[in-house]
Amino acid sequence: MIQFEVTVTVEGGLHARPAALFVNRTSQFQSKITLNKGAKKVDGKSILGIMTLGVTQGDHLTIEVDGSDEEHVAAEIRELFHQEFAS
């Protein structure tokens, strides 16, 4: 299992559009993805789950990736947050 933290820099946080982009990008992989914000944990392949976290700009998330392709998934997520969610 790979665990890492990201800071949300996208304006407005992880609202519907960035949540959908995250799910579209990660749903093609086999690994289980969990997003943690404080004590809340949600399935990283669920748009509704991500939106219920109420993630705003500047929040820190802990992301867990567990599965056979976890290293590739973790790299995709890091790229997503550092390039496409950067604003």
C-alpha atoms as a PDB file:
ATOM      1  CA  MET A   1       0.000   0.000   0.000  1.00  0.00           C
ATOM      2  CA  ILE A   2       1.178   3.483  -0.878  1.00  0.00           C
ATOM      3  CA  GLN A   3       0.125   6.423   1.260  1.00  0.00           C
ATOM      4  CA  PHE A   4       0.894  10.055   0.520  1.00  0.00           C
ATOM      5  CA  GLU A   5      -0.435  13.537   1.156  1.00  0.00           C
ATOM      6  CA  VAL A   6      -1.499  16.203  -1.276  1.00  0.00           C
ATOM      7  CA  THR A   7      -2.565  19.796  -0.849  1.00  0.00           C
ATOM      8  CA  VAL A   8      -5.614  20.826  -2.822  1.00  0.00           C
ATOM      9  CA  THR A   9      -4.784  23.892  -4.865  1.00  0.00           C
ATOM     10  CA  VAL A  10      -7.658  23.845  -7.318  1.00  0.00           C
ATOM     11  CA  GLU A  11      -9.863  26.914  -6.936  1.00  0.00           C
ATOM     12  CA  GLY A  12     -13.102  25.978  -5.225  1.00  0.00           C
ATOM     13  CA  GLY A  13     -11.726  22.664  -3.938  1.00  0.00           C
ATOM     14  CA  LEU A  14     -12.826  19.254  -5.158  1.00  0.00           C
ATOM     15  CA  HIS A  15     -16.272  20.198  -6.425  1.00  0.00           C
ATOM     16  CA  ALA A  16     -18.119  18.229  -9.119  1.00  0.00           C
ATOM     17  CA  ARG A  17     -15.806  18.854 -12.086  1.00  0.00           C
ATOM     18  CA  PRO A  18     -12.458  18.075 -10.422  1.00  0.00           C
ATOM     19  CA  ALA A  19     -14.048  15.147  -8.569  1.00  0.00           C
ATOM     20  CA  ALA A  20     -15.304  13.764 -11.885  1.00  0.00           C
ATOM     21  CA  LEU A  21     -11.874  14.255 -13.454  1.00  0.00           C
ATOM     22  CA  PHE A  22     -10.277  12.432 -10.513  1.00  0.00           C
ATOM     23  CA  VAL A  23     -12.687   9.501 -10.795  1.00  0.00           C
ATOM     24  CA  ASN A  24     -12.389   9.321 -14.583  1.00  0.00           C
ATOM     25  CA  ARG A  25      -8.617   9.240 -14.306  1.00  0.00           C
ATOM     26  CA  THR A  26      -8.463   6.642 -11.534  1.00  0.00           C
ATOM     27  CA  SER A  27     -11.400   4.345 -12.319  1.00  0.00           C
ATOM     28  CA  GLN A  28      -9.465   2.630 -15.090  1.00  0.00           C
ATOM     29  CA  PHE A  29      -7.087   1.102 -12.524  1.00  0.00           C
ATOM     30  CA  GLN A  30      -7.506  -2.013 -10.405  1.00  0.00           C
ATOM     31  CA  SER A  31      -6.149  -0.592  -7.159  1.00  0.00           C
ATOM     32  CA  LYS A  32      -8.389   0.490  -4.314  1.00  0.00           C
ATOM     33  CA  ILE A  33      -8.122   4.239  -3.702  1.00  0.00           C
ATOM     34  CA  THR A  34      -9.117   5.873  -0.432  1.00  0.00           C
ATOM     35  CA  LEU A  35      -9.197   9.604   0.258  1.00  0.00           C
ATOM     36  CA  ASN A  36      -8.873  10.724   3.870  1.00  0.00           C
ATOM     37  CA  LYS A  37      -9.670  14.162   5.202  1.00  0.00           C
ATOM     38  CA  GLY A  38      -9.330  14.198   8.961  1.00  0.00           C
ATOM     39  CA  ALA A  39     -11.400  11.314  10.317  1.00  0.00           C
ATOM     40  CA  LYS A  40     -13.445  10.967   7.101  1.00  0.00           C
ATOM     41  CA  LYS A  41     -12.567   8.240   4.582  1.00  0.00           C
ATOM     42  CA  VAL A  42     -14.191   7.783   1.198  1.00  0.00           C
ATOM     43  CA  ASP A  43     -13.826   5.609  -1.871  1.00  0.00           C
ATOM     44  CA  GLY A  44     -11.616   7.446  -4.343  1.00  0.00           C
ATOM     45  CA  LYS A  45     -13.606   6.045  -7.262  1.00  0.00           C
ATOM     46  CA  SER A  46     -16.881   7.627  -6.129  1.00  0.00           C
ATOM     47  CA  ILE A  47     -17.700  11.175  -7.240  1.00  0.00           C
ATOM     48  CA  LEU A  48     -20.357  11.451  -4.554  1.00  0.00           C
ATOM     49  CA  GLY A  49     -17.953  10.123  -1.933  1.00  0.00           C
ATOM     50  CA  ILE A  50     -15.307  12.681  -2.857  1.00  0.00           C
ATOM     51  CA  MET A  51     -17.828  15.506  -2.831  1.00  0.00           C
ATOM     52  CA  THR A  52     -19.082  14.534   0.637  1.00  0.00           C
ATOM     53  CA  LEU A  53     -15.605  15.226   2.016  1.00  0.00           C
ATOM     54  CA  GLY A  54     -16.209  18.934   1.444  1.00  0.00           C
ATOM     55  CA  VAL A  55     -12.639  19.504   0.297  1.00  0.00           C
ATOM     56  CA  THR A  56     -11.780  23.165  -0.150  1.00  0.00           C
ATOM     57  CA  GLN A  57      -8.739  24.904  -1.578  1.00  0.00           C
ATOM     58  CA  GLY A  58      -5.805  24.567   0.817  1.00  0.00           C
ATOM     59  CA  ASP A  59      -7.031  21.359   2.461  1.00  0.00           C
ATOM     60  CA  HIS A  60      -4.620  18.470   2.914  1.00  0.00           C
ATOM     61  CA  LEU A  61      -5.703  14.971   1.904  1.00  0.00           C
ATOM     62  CA  THR A  62      -4.110  11.658   2.670  1.00  0.00           C
ATOM     63  CA  ILE A  63      -4.480   9.263  -0.228  1.00  0.00           C
ATOM     64  CA  GLU A  64      -4.088   5.517   0.099  1.00  0.00           C
ATOM     65  CA  VAL A  65      -3.625   3.300  -2.941  1.00  0.00           C
ATOM     66  CA  ASP A  66      -3.634  -0.460  -2.568  1.00  0.00           C
ATOM     67  CA  GLY A  67      -3.376  -2.966  -5.390  1.00  0.00           C
ATOM     68  CA  SER A  68      -1.301  -4.471  -8.148  1.00  0.00           C
ATOM     69  CA  ASP A  69      -0.942  -1.194 -10.068  1.00  0.00           C
ATOM     70  CA  GLU A  70      -0.598   1.073  -7.017  1.00  0.00           C
ATOM     71  CA  GLU A  71       2.640   2.745  -8.093  1.00  0.00           C
ATOM     72  CA  HIS A  72       1.188   3.773 -11.449  1.00  0.00           C
ATOM     73  CA  VAL A  73      -2.021   5.001  -9.792  1.00  0.00           C
ATOM     74  CA  ALA A  74      -0.095   7.025  -7.215  1.00  0.00           C
ATOM     75  CA  ALA A  75       1.938   8.659  -9.989  1.00  0.00           C
ATOM     76  CA  GLU A  76      -1.251   9.529 -11.905  1.00  0.00           C
ATOM     77  CA  ILE A  77      -2.835  11.088  -8.828  1.00  0.00           C
ATOM     78  CA  ARG A  78       0.280  13.089  -7.966  1.00  0.00           C
ATOM     79  CA  GLU A  79       0.420  14.397 -11.540  1.00  0.00           C
ATOM     80  CA  LEU A  80      -3.255  15.295 -11.400  1.00  0.00           C
ATOM     81  CA  PHE A  81      -2.821  17.359  -8.243  1.00  0.00           C
ATOM     82  CA  HIS A  82       0.473  18.974  -9.268  1.00  0.00           C
ATOM     83  CA  GLN A  83      -0.405  19.823 -12.864  1.00  0.00           C
ATOM     84  CA  GLU A  84      -4.088  19.740 -13.701  1.00  0.00           C
ATOM     85  CA  PHE A  85      -5.418  20.852 -10.317  1.00  0.00           C
ATOM     86  CA  ALA A  86      -2.763  23.544  -9.921  1.00  0.00           C
ATOM     87  CA  SER A  87      -4.244  27.008 -10.169  1.00  0.00           C
END
